[in-house]
Amino acid sequence: IVGRRREEYFRVKLQESQSQTGIKVSLAA
């Protein structure tokens, strides 16, 4: 979509997403 790989950004964001408990707010389709 954006034309470049943003691995570090997603590494941090996905780590935050996985550390949350309860109802998840990061989703996949």
Full PDB file with SEQRES, HELIX, SHEET, SSBOND, CRYST1, ORIGX, SCALE, CONECT and MASTER records, all heavy atoms in Angstrom:
SEQRES   1 A   29  ILE VAL GLY ARG ARG ARG GLU GLU TYR PHE ARG VAL LYS          
SEQRES   2 A   29  LEU GLN GLU SER GLN SER GLN THR GLY ILE LYS VAL SER          
SEQRES   3 A   29  LEU ALA ALA                                                  
HELIX    1 AA1 GLU A    7  SER A   19  1                                  13    
CRYST1    1.000    1.000    1.000  90.00  90.00  90.00 P 1           1          
ORIGX1      1.000000  0.000000  0.000000        0.00000                         
ORIGX2      0.000000  1.000000  0.000000        0.00000                         
ORIGX3      0.000000  0.000000  1.000000        0.00000                         
SCALE1      1.000000  0.000000  0.000000        0.00000                         
SCALE2      0.000000  1.000000  0.000000        0.00000                         
SCALE3      0.000000  0.000000  1.000000        0.00000                         
ATOM      1  N   ILE A   1       0.827  -1.211   0.000  1.00  0.00           N  
ATOM      2  CA  ILE A   1       0.000   0.000   0.000  1.00  0.00           C  
ATOM      3  C   ILE A   1       0.864   1.265   0.000  1.00  0.00           C  
ATOM      4  O   ILE A   1       0.630   2.180  -0.786  1.00  0.00           O  
ATOM      5  CB  ILE A   1      -0.953  -0.005   1.216  1.00  0.00           C  
ATOM      6  CG1 ILE A   1      -1.966  -1.155   1.088  1.00  0.00           C  
ATOM      7  CG2 ILE A   1      -1.680   1.334   1.345  1.00  0.00           C  
ATOM      8  CD1 ILE A   1      -2.745  -1.436   2.367  1.00  0.00           C  
ATOM      9  N   VAL A   2       1.864   1.328   0.900  1.00  0.00           N  
ATOM     10  CA  VAL A   2       2.641   2.571   1.067  1.00  0.00           C  
ATOM     11  C   VAL A   2       3.935   2.597   0.262  1.00  0.00           C  
ATOM     12  O   VAL A   2       4.567   3.644   0.160  1.00  0.00           O  
ATOM     13  CB  VAL A   2       2.937   2.882   2.551  1.00  0.00           C  
ATOM     14  CG1 VAL A   2       1.663   3.007   3.347  1.00  0.00           C  
ATOM     15  CG2 VAL A   2       3.869   1.868   3.165  1.00  0.00           C  
ATOM     16  N   GLY A   3       4.362   1.468  -0.274  1.00  0.00           N  
ATOM     17  CA  GLY A   3       5.531   1.454  -1.136  1.00  0.00           C  
ATOM     18  C   GLY A   3       6.857   1.207  -0.438  1.00  0.00           C  
ATOM     19  O   GLY A   3       7.909   1.307  -1.071  1.00  0.00           O  
ATOM     20  N   ARG A   4       6.844   0.903   0.853  1.00  0.00           N  
ATOM     21  CA  ARG A   4       8.071   0.561   1.575  1.00  0.00           C  
ATOM     22  C   ARG A   4       7.720  -0.290   2.788  1.00  0.00           C  
ATOM     23  O   ARG A   4       6.607  -0.243   3.278  1.00  0.00           O  
ATOM     24  CB  ARG A   4       8.840   1.803   2.004  1.00  0.00           C  
ATOM     25  CG  ARG A   4       8.114   2.687   2.979  1.00  0.00           C  
ATOM     26  CD  ARG A   4       8.911   3.976   3.252  1.00  0.00           C  
ATOM     27  NE  ARG A   4       8.133   4.898   4.034  1.00  0.00           N  
ATOM     28  CZ  ARG A   4       8.078   4.924   5.361  1.00  0.00           C  
ATOM     29  NH1 ARG A   4       8.786   4.055   6.067  1.00  0.00           N  
ATOM     30  NH2 ARG A   4       7.344   5.802   5.994  1.00  0.00           N  
ATOM     31  N   ARG A   5       8.716  -1.043   3.246  1.00  0.00           N  
ATOM     32  CA  ARG A   5       8.511  -1.917   4.408  1.00  0.00           C  
ATOM     33  C   ARG A   5       8.758  -1.127   5.690  1.00  0.00           C  
ATOM     34  O   ARG A   5       9.778  -0.463   5.818  1.00  0.00           O  
ATOM     35  CB  ARG A   5       9.433  -3.131   4.340  1.00  0.00           C  
ATOM     36  CG  ARG A   5       9.066  -4.079   3.210  1.00  0.00           C  
ATOM     37  CD  ARG A   5      10.001  -5.262   3.134  1.00  0.00           C  
ATOM     38  NE  ARG A   5       9.952  -6.141   4.284  1.00  0.00           N  
ATOM     39  CZ  ARG A   5       9.040  -7.103   4.487  1.00  0.00           C  
ATOM     40  NH1 ARG A   5       8.090  -7.293   3.599  1.00  0.00           N  
ATOM     41  NH2 ARG A   5       9.097  -7.859   5.551  1.00  0.00           N  
ATOM     42  N   ARG A   6       7.819  -1.240   6.635  1.00  0.00           N  
ATOM     43  CA  ARG A   6       7.937  -0.534   7.920  1.00  0.00           C  
ATOM     44  C   ARG A   6       7.991  -1.572   9.045  1.00  0.00           C  
ATOM     45  O   ARG A   6       7.133  -1.616   9.910  1.00  0.00           O  
ATOM     46  CB  ARG A   6       6.757   0.418   8.111  1.00  0.00           C  
ATOM     47  CG  ARG A   6       6.654   1.452   7.003  1.00  0.00           C  
ATOM     48  CD  ARG A   6       5.618   2.502   7.285  1.00  0.00           C  
ATOM     49  NE  ARG A   6       4.264   1.961   7.331  1.00  0.00           N  
ATOM     50  CZ  ARG A   6       3.211   2.645   7.810  1.00  0.00           C  
ATOM     51  NH1 ARG A   6       3.363   3.860   8.284  1.00  0.00           N  
ATOM     52  NH2 ARG A   6       2.014   2.091   7.815  1.00  0.00           N  
ATOM     53  N   GLU A   7       9.027  -2.392   9.023  1.00  0.00           N  
ATOM     54  CA  GLU A   7       9.129  -3.510   9.958  1.00  0.00           C  
ATOM     55  C   GLU A   7       9.202  -3.071  11.418  1.00  0.00           C  
ATOM     56  O   GLU A   7       8.531  -3.640  12.269  1.00  0.00           O  
ATOM     57  CB  GLU A   7      10.328  -4.388   9.605  1.00  0.00           C  
ATOM     58  CG  GLU A   7      10.112  -5.139   8.313  1.00  0.00           C  
ATOM     59  CD  GLU A   7      11.243  -6.081   7.981  1.00  0.00           C  
ATOM     60  OE1 GLU A   7      11.831  -6.654   8.915  1.00  0.00           O  
ATOM     61  OE2 GLU A   7      11.519  -6.252   6.774  1.00  0.00           O  
ATOM     62  N   GLU A   8      10.019  -2.074  11.720  1.00  0.00           N  
ATOM     63  CA  GLU A   8      10.168  -1.664  13.119  1.00  0.00           C  
ATOM     64  C   GLU A   8       8.869  -1.073  13.657  1.00  0.00           C  
ATOM     65  O   GLU A   8       8.474  -1.347  14.787  1.00  0.00           O  
ATOM     66  CB  GLU A   8      11.329  -0.674  13.284  1.00  0.00           C  
ATOM     67  CG  GLU A   8      11.674  -0.396  14.731  1.00  0.00           C  
ATOM     68  CD  GLU A   8      12.023  -1.653  15.537  1.00  0.00           C  
ATOM     69  OE1 GLU A   8      12.566  -2.620  14.974  1.00  0.00           O  
ATOM     70  OE2 GLU A   8      11.724  -1.672  16.757  1.00  0.00           O  
ATOM     71  N   TYR A   9       8.202  -0.260  12.858  1.00  0.00           N  
ATOM     72  CA  TYR A   9       6.917   0.313  13.270  1.00  0.00           C  
ATOM     73  C   TYR A   9       5.939  -0.800  13.644  1.00  0.00           C  
ATOM     74  O   TYR A   9       5.326  -0.775  14.707  1.00  0.00           O  
ATOM     75  CB  TYR A   9       6.336   1.170  12.133  1.00  0.00           C  
ATOM     76  CG  TYR A   9       4.903   1.593  12.356  1.00  0.00           C  
ATOM     77  CD1 TYR A   9       4.591   2.633  13.226  1.00  0.00           C  
ATOM     78  CD2 TYR A   9       3.858   0.945  11.685  1.00  0.00           C  
ATOM     79  CE1 TYR A   9       3.275   3.029  13.431  1.00  0.00           C  
ATOM     80  CE2 TYR A   9       2.544   1.341  11.886  1.00  0.00           C  
ATOM     81  CZ  TYR A   9       2.263   2.375  12.756  1.00  0.00           C  
ATOM     82  OH  TYR A   9       0.954   2.754  12.963  1.00  0.00           O  
ATOM     83  N   PHE A  10       5.817  -1.794  12.785  1.00  0.00           N  
ATOM     84  CA  PHE A  10       4.867  -2.870  13.050  1.00  0.00           C  
ATOM     85  C   PHE A  10       5.345  -3.817  14.147  1.00  0.00           C  
ATOM     86  O   PHE A  10       4.529  -4.374  14.871  1.00  0.00           O  
ATOM     87  CB  PHE A  10       4.516  -3.620  11.767  1.00  0.00           C  
ATOM     88  CG  PHE A  10       3.584  -2.840  10.897  1.00  0.00           C  
ATOM     89  CD1 PHE A  10       4.018  -2.284   9.706  1.00  0.00           C  
ATOM     90  CD2 PHE A  10       2.268  -2.617  11.287  1.00  0.00           C  
ATOM     91  CE1 PHE A  10       3.166  -1.534   8.919  1.00  0.00           C  
ATOM     92  CE2 PHE A  10       1.410  -1.870  10.514  1.00  0.00           C  
ATOM     93  CZ  PHE A  10       1.858  -1.328   9.329  1.00  0.00           C  
ATOM     94  N   ARG A  11       6.632  -3.971  14.294  1.00  0.00           N  
ATOM     95  CA  ARG A  11       7.144  -4.803  15.389  1.00  0.00           C  
ATOM     96  C   ARG A  11       6.666  -4.209  16.718  1.00  0.00           C  
ATOM     97  O   ARG A  11       6.143  -4.903  17.580  1.00  0.00           O  
ATOM     98  CB  ARG A  11       8.664  -4.882  15.352  1.00  0.00           C  
ATOM     99  CG  ARG A  11       9.258  -5.859  16.355  1.00  0.00           C  
ATOM    100  CD  ARG A  11      10.763  -5.996  16.235  1.00  0.00           C  
ATOM    101  NE  ARG A  11      11.331  -5.889  14.898  1.00  0.00           N  
ATOM    102  CZ  ARG A  11      11.324  -6.851  13.971  1.00  0.00           C  
ATOM    103  NH1 ARG A  11      10.764  -8.009  14.240  1.00  0.00           N  
ATOM    104  NH2 ARG A  11      11.856  -6.657  12.785  1.00  0.00           N  
ATOM    105  N   VAL A  12       6.811  -2.897  16.889  1.00  0.00           N  
ATOM    106  CA  VAL A  12       6.383  -2.212  18.117  1.00  0.00           C  
ATOM    107  C   VAL A  12       4.865  -2.264  18.260  1.00  0.00           C  
ATOM    108  O   VAL A  12       4.332  -2.606  19.321  1.00  0.00           O  
ATOM    109  CB  VAL A  12       6.892  -0.756  18.132  1.00  0.00           C  
ATOM    110  CG1 VAL A  12       6.259   0.035  19.263  1.00  0.00           C  
ATOM    111  CG2 VAL A  12       8.405  -0.725  18.224  1.00  0.00           C  
ATOM    112  N   LYS A  13       4.146  -1.931  17.200  1.00  0.00           N  
ATOM    113  CA  LYS A  13       2.685  -1.880  17.265  1.00  0.00           C  
ATOM    114  C   LYS A  13       2.082  -3.256  17.536  1.00  0.00           C  
ATOM    115  O   LYS A  13       1.134  -3.383  18.323  1.00  0.00           O  
ATOM    116  CB  LYS A  13       2.099  -1.305  15.969  1.00  0.00           C  
ATOM    117  CG  LYS A  13       2.360   0.165  15.790  1.00  0.00           C  
ATOM    118  CD  LYS A  13       1.682   0.957  16.883  1.00  0.00           C  
ATOM    119  CE  LYS A  13       1.957   2.423  16.758  1.00  0.00           C  
ATOM    120  NZ  LYS A  13       1.392   3.171  17.883  1.00  0.00           N  
ATOM    121  N   LEU A  14       2.600  -4.275  16.900  1.00  0.00           N  
ATOM    122  CA  LEU A  14       2.056  -5.612  17.115  1.00  0.00           C  
ATOM    123  C   LEU A  14       2.417  -6.132  18.505  1.00  0.00           C  
ATOM    124  O   LEU A  14       1.631  -6.838  19.126  1.00  0.00           O  
ATOM    125  CB  LEU A  14       2.522  -6.570  16.020  1.00  0.00           C  
ATOM    126  CG  LEU A  14       1.918  -6.294  14.650  1.00  0.00           C  
ATOM    127  CD1 LEU A  14       2.580  -7.161  13.582  1.00  0.00           C  
ATOM    128  CD2 LEU A  14       0.422  -6.508  14.646  1.00  0.00           C  
ATOM    129  N   GLN A  15       3.576  -5.757  18.991  1.00  0.00           N  
ATOM    130  CA  GLN A  15       3.955  -6.147  20.351  1.00  0.00           C  
ATOM    131  C   GLN A  15       2.995  -5.503  21.359  1.00  0.00           C  
ATOM    132  O   GLN A  15       2.534  -6.156  22.289  1.00  0.00           O  
ATOM    133  CB  GLN A  15       5.389  -5.712  20.621  1.00  0.00           C  
ATOM    134  CG  GLN A  15       6.099  -6.486  21.685  1.00  0.00           C  
ATOM    135  CD  GLN A  15       7.592  -6.187  21.659  1.00  0.00           C  
ATOM    136  OE1 GLN A  15       8.013  -5.076  21.352  1.00  0.00           O  
ATOM    137  NE2 GLN A  15       8.389  -7.194  21.977  1.00  0.00           N  
ATOM    138  N   GLU A  16       2.693  -4.214  21.181  1.00  0.00           N  
ATOM    139  CA  GLU A  16       1.721  -3.533  22.038  1.00  0.00           C  
ATOM    140  C   GLU A  16       0.366  -4.224  21.954  1.00  0.00           C  
ATOM    141  O   GLU A  16      -0.295  -4.457  22.960  1.00  0.00           O  
ATOM    142  CB  GLU A  16       1.549  -2.070  21.613  1.00  0.00           C  
ATOM    143  CG  GLU A  16       2.695  -1.175  21.949  1.00  0.00           C  
ATOM    144  CD  GLU A  16       2.517   0.229  21.378  1.00  0.00           C  
ATOM    145  OE1 GLU A  16       1.482   0.501  20.729  1.00  0.00           O  
ATOM    146  OE2 GLU A  16       3.413   1.059  21.581  1.00  0.00           O  
ATOM    147  N   SER A  17      -0.028  -4.556  20.750  1.00  0.00           N  
ATOM    148  CA  SER A  17      -1.324  -5.192  20.524  1.00  0.00           C  
ATOM    149  C   SER A  17      -1.426  -6.529  21.242  1.00  0.00           C  
ATOM    150  O   SER A  17      -2.453  -6.855  21.833  1.00  0.00           O  
ATOM    151  CB  SER A  17      -1.539  -5.394  19.022  1.00  0.00           C  
ATOM    152  OG  SER A  17      -2.606  -6.260  18.778  1.00  0.00           O  
ATOM    153  N   GLN A  18      -0.358  -7.301  21.205  1.00  0.00           N  
ATOM    154  CA  GLN A  18      -0.379  -8.629  21.807  1.00  0.00           C  
ATOM    155  C   GLN A  18      -0.286  -8.588  23.327  1.00  0.00           C  
ATOM    156  O   GLN A  18      -0.695  -9.524  24.002  1.00  0.00           O  
ATOM    157  CB  GLN A  18       0.750  -9.487  21.239  1.00  0.00           C  
ATOM    158  CG  GLN A  18       0.661  -9.702  19.740  1.00  0.00           C  
ATOM    159  CD  GLN A  18      -0.686 -10.242  19.294  1.00  0.00           C  
ATOM    160  OE1 GLN A  18      -1.189 -11.209  19.847  1.00  0.00           O  
ATOM    161  NE2 GLN A  18      -1.282  -9.613  18.295  1.00  0.00           N  
ATOM    162  N   SER A  19       0.232  -7.495  23.878  1.00  0.00           N  
ATOM    163  CA  SER A  19       0.373  -7.415  25.331  1.00  0.00           C  
ATOM    164  C   SER A  19      -0.902  -6.951  26.013  1.00  0.00           C  
ATOM    165  O   SER A  19      -1.020  -7.048  27.225  1.00  0.00           O  
ATOM    166  CB  SER A  19       1.537  -6.489  25.702  1.00  0.00           C  
ATOM    167  OG  SER A  19       1.234  -5.163  25.349  1.00  0.00           O  
ATOM    168  N   GLN A  20      -1.875  -6.451  25.250  1.00  0.00           N  
ATOM    169  CA  GLN A  20      -3.136  -6.026  25.839  1.00  0.00           C  
ATOM    170  C   GLN A  20      -3.935  -7.247  26.252  1.00  0.00           C  
ATOM    171  O   GLN A  20      -3.886  -8.296  25.625  1.00  0.00           O  
ATOM    172  CB  GLN A  20      -3.953  -5.210  24.837  1.00  0.00           C  
ATOM    173  CG  GLN A  20      -3.289  -3.913  24.446  1.00  0.00           C  
ATOM    174  CD  GLN A  20      -4.015  -3.219  23.314  1.00  0.00           C  
ATOM    175  OE1 GLN A  20      -4.886  -3.799  22.679  1.00  0.00           O  
ATOM    176  NE2 GLN A  20      -3.655  -1.985  23.063  1.00  0.00           N  
ATOM    177  N   THR A  21      -4.699  -7.100  27.341  1.00  0.00           N  
ATOM    178  CA  THR A  21      -5.552  -8.188  27.792  1.00  0.00           C  
ATOM    179  C   THR A  21      -7.006  -7.823  27.534  1.00  0.00           C  
ATOM    180  O   THR A  21      -7.329  -6.692  27.208  1.00  0.00           O  
ATOM    181  CB  THR A  21      -5.350  -8.449  29.293  1.00  0.00           C  
ATOM    182  OG1 THR A  21      -5.644  -7.238  30.002  1.00  0.00           O  
ATOM    183  CG2 THR A  21      -3.934  -8.891  29.589  1.00  0.00           C  
ATOM    184  N   GLY A  22      -7.883  -8.765  27.702  1.00  0.00           N  
ATOM    185  CA  GLY A  22      -9.315  -8.505  27.519  1.00  0.00           C  
ATOM    186  C   GLY A  22      -9.691  -8.496  26.054  1.00  0.00           C  
ATOM    187  O   GLY A  22      -9.128  -9.205  25.232  1.00  0.00           O  
ATOM    188  N   ILE A  23     -10.647  -7.650  25.708  1.00  0.00           N  
ATOM    189  CA  ILE A  23     -11.136  -7.556  24.336  1.00  0.00           C  
ATOM    190  C   ILE A  23     -10.059  -6.930  23.469  1.00  0.00           C  
ATOM    191  O   ILE A  23      -9.505  -5.893  23.793  1.00  0.00           O  
ATOM    192  CB  ILE A  23     -12.425  -6.720  24.280  1.00  0.00           C  
ATOM    193  CG1 ILE A  23     -13.521  -7.416  25.095  1.00  0.00           C  
ATOM    194  CG2 ILE A  23     -12.870  -6.509  22.848  1.00  0.00           C  
ATOM    195  CD1 ILE A  23     -14.793  -6.638  25.198  1.00  0.00           C  
ATOM    196  N   LYS A  24      -9.744  -7.570  22.377  1.00  0.00           N  
ATOM    197  CA  LYS A  24      -8.695  -7.091  21.481  1.00  0.00           C  
ATOM    198  C   LYS A  24      -9.235  -5.982  20.588  1.00  0.00           C  
ATOM    199  O   LYS A  24     -10.385  -6.018  20.169  1.00  0.00           O  
ATOM    200  CB  LYS A  24      -8.168  -8.226  20.610  1.00  0.00           C  
ATOM    201  CG  LYS A  24      -7.577  -9.372  21.402  1.00  0.00           C  
ATOM    202  CD  LYS A  24      -6.376  -8.944  22.196  1.00  0.00           C  
ATOM    203  CE  LYS A  24      -5.775 -10.120  22.929  1.00  0.00           C  
ATOM    204  NZ  LYS A  24      -4.699  -9.744  23.804  1.00  0.00           N  
ATOM    205  N   VAL A  25      -8.369  -5.007  20.316  1.00  0.00           N  
ATOM    206  CA  VAL A  25      -8.789  -3.926  19.435  1.00  0.00           C  
ATOM    207  C   VAL A  25      -7.963  -3.864  18.155  1.00  0.00           C  
ATOM    208  O   VAL A  25      -8.206  -3.008  17.328  1.00  0.00           O  
ATOM    209  CB  VAL A  25      -8.786  -2.555  20.165  1.00  0.00           C  
ATOM    210  CG1 VAL A  25      -9.857  -2.513  21.232  1.00  0.00           C  
ATOM    211  CG2 VAL A  25      -7.436  -2.237  20.752  1.00  0.00           C  
ATOM    212  N   SER A  26      -7.011  -4.754  17.985  1.00  0.00           N  
ATOM    213  CA  SER A  26      -6.293  -4.862  16.719  1.00  0.00           C  
ATOM    214  C   SER A  26      -6.778  -6.123  16.032  1.00  0.00           C  
ATOM    215  O   SER A  26      -6.825  -7.190  16.635  1.00  0.00           O  
ATOM    216  CB  SER A  26      -4.783  -4.891  16.945  1.00  0.00           C  
ATOM    217  OG  SER A  26      -4.342  -3.634  17.397  1.00  0.00           O  
ATOM    218  N   LEU A  27      -7.153  -5.973  14.776  1.00  0.00           N  
ATOM    219  CA  LEU A  27      -7.888  -7.031  14.092  1.00  0.00           C  
ATOM    220  C   LEU A  27      -7.304  -7.359  12.724  1.00  0.00           C  
ATOM    221  O   LEU A  27      -6.612  -6.543  12.124  1.00  0.00           O  
ATOM    222  CB  LEU A  27      -9.351  -6.591  13.906  1.00  0.00           C  
ATOM    223  CG  LEU A  27     -10.104  -6.200  15.178  1.00  0.00           C  
ATOM    224  CD1 LEU A  27     -11.418  -5.503  14.824  1.00  0.00           C  
ATOM    225  CD2 LEU A  27     -10.355  -7.422  16.040  1.00  0.00           C  
ATOM    226  N   ALA A  28      -7.630  -8.546  12.239  1.00  0.00           N  
ATOM    227  CA  ALA A  28      -7.260  -8.987  10.898  1.00  0.00           C  
ATOM    228  C   ALA A  28      -8.527  -9.430  10.172  1.00  0.00           C  
ATOM    229  O   ALA A  28      -9.500  -9.840  10.802  1.00  0.00           O  
ATOM    230  CB  ALA A  28      -6.282 -10.157  10.970  1.00  0.00           C  
ATOM    231  N   ALA A  29      -8.486  -9.335   8.855  1.00  0.00           N  
ATOM    232  CA  ALA A  29      -9.604  -9.807   8.034  1.00  0.00           C  
ATOM    233  C   ALA A  29      -9.086 -10.818   7.022  1.00  0.00           C  
ATOM    234  O   ALA A  29      -7.998 -10.658   6.462  1.00  0.00           O  
ATOM    235  CB  ALA A  29     -10.273  -8.640   7.308  1.00  0.00           C  
TER     236      ALA A  29                                                      
MASTER        0    0    0    1    0    0    0    6  235    1    0    3          
END                                                                             
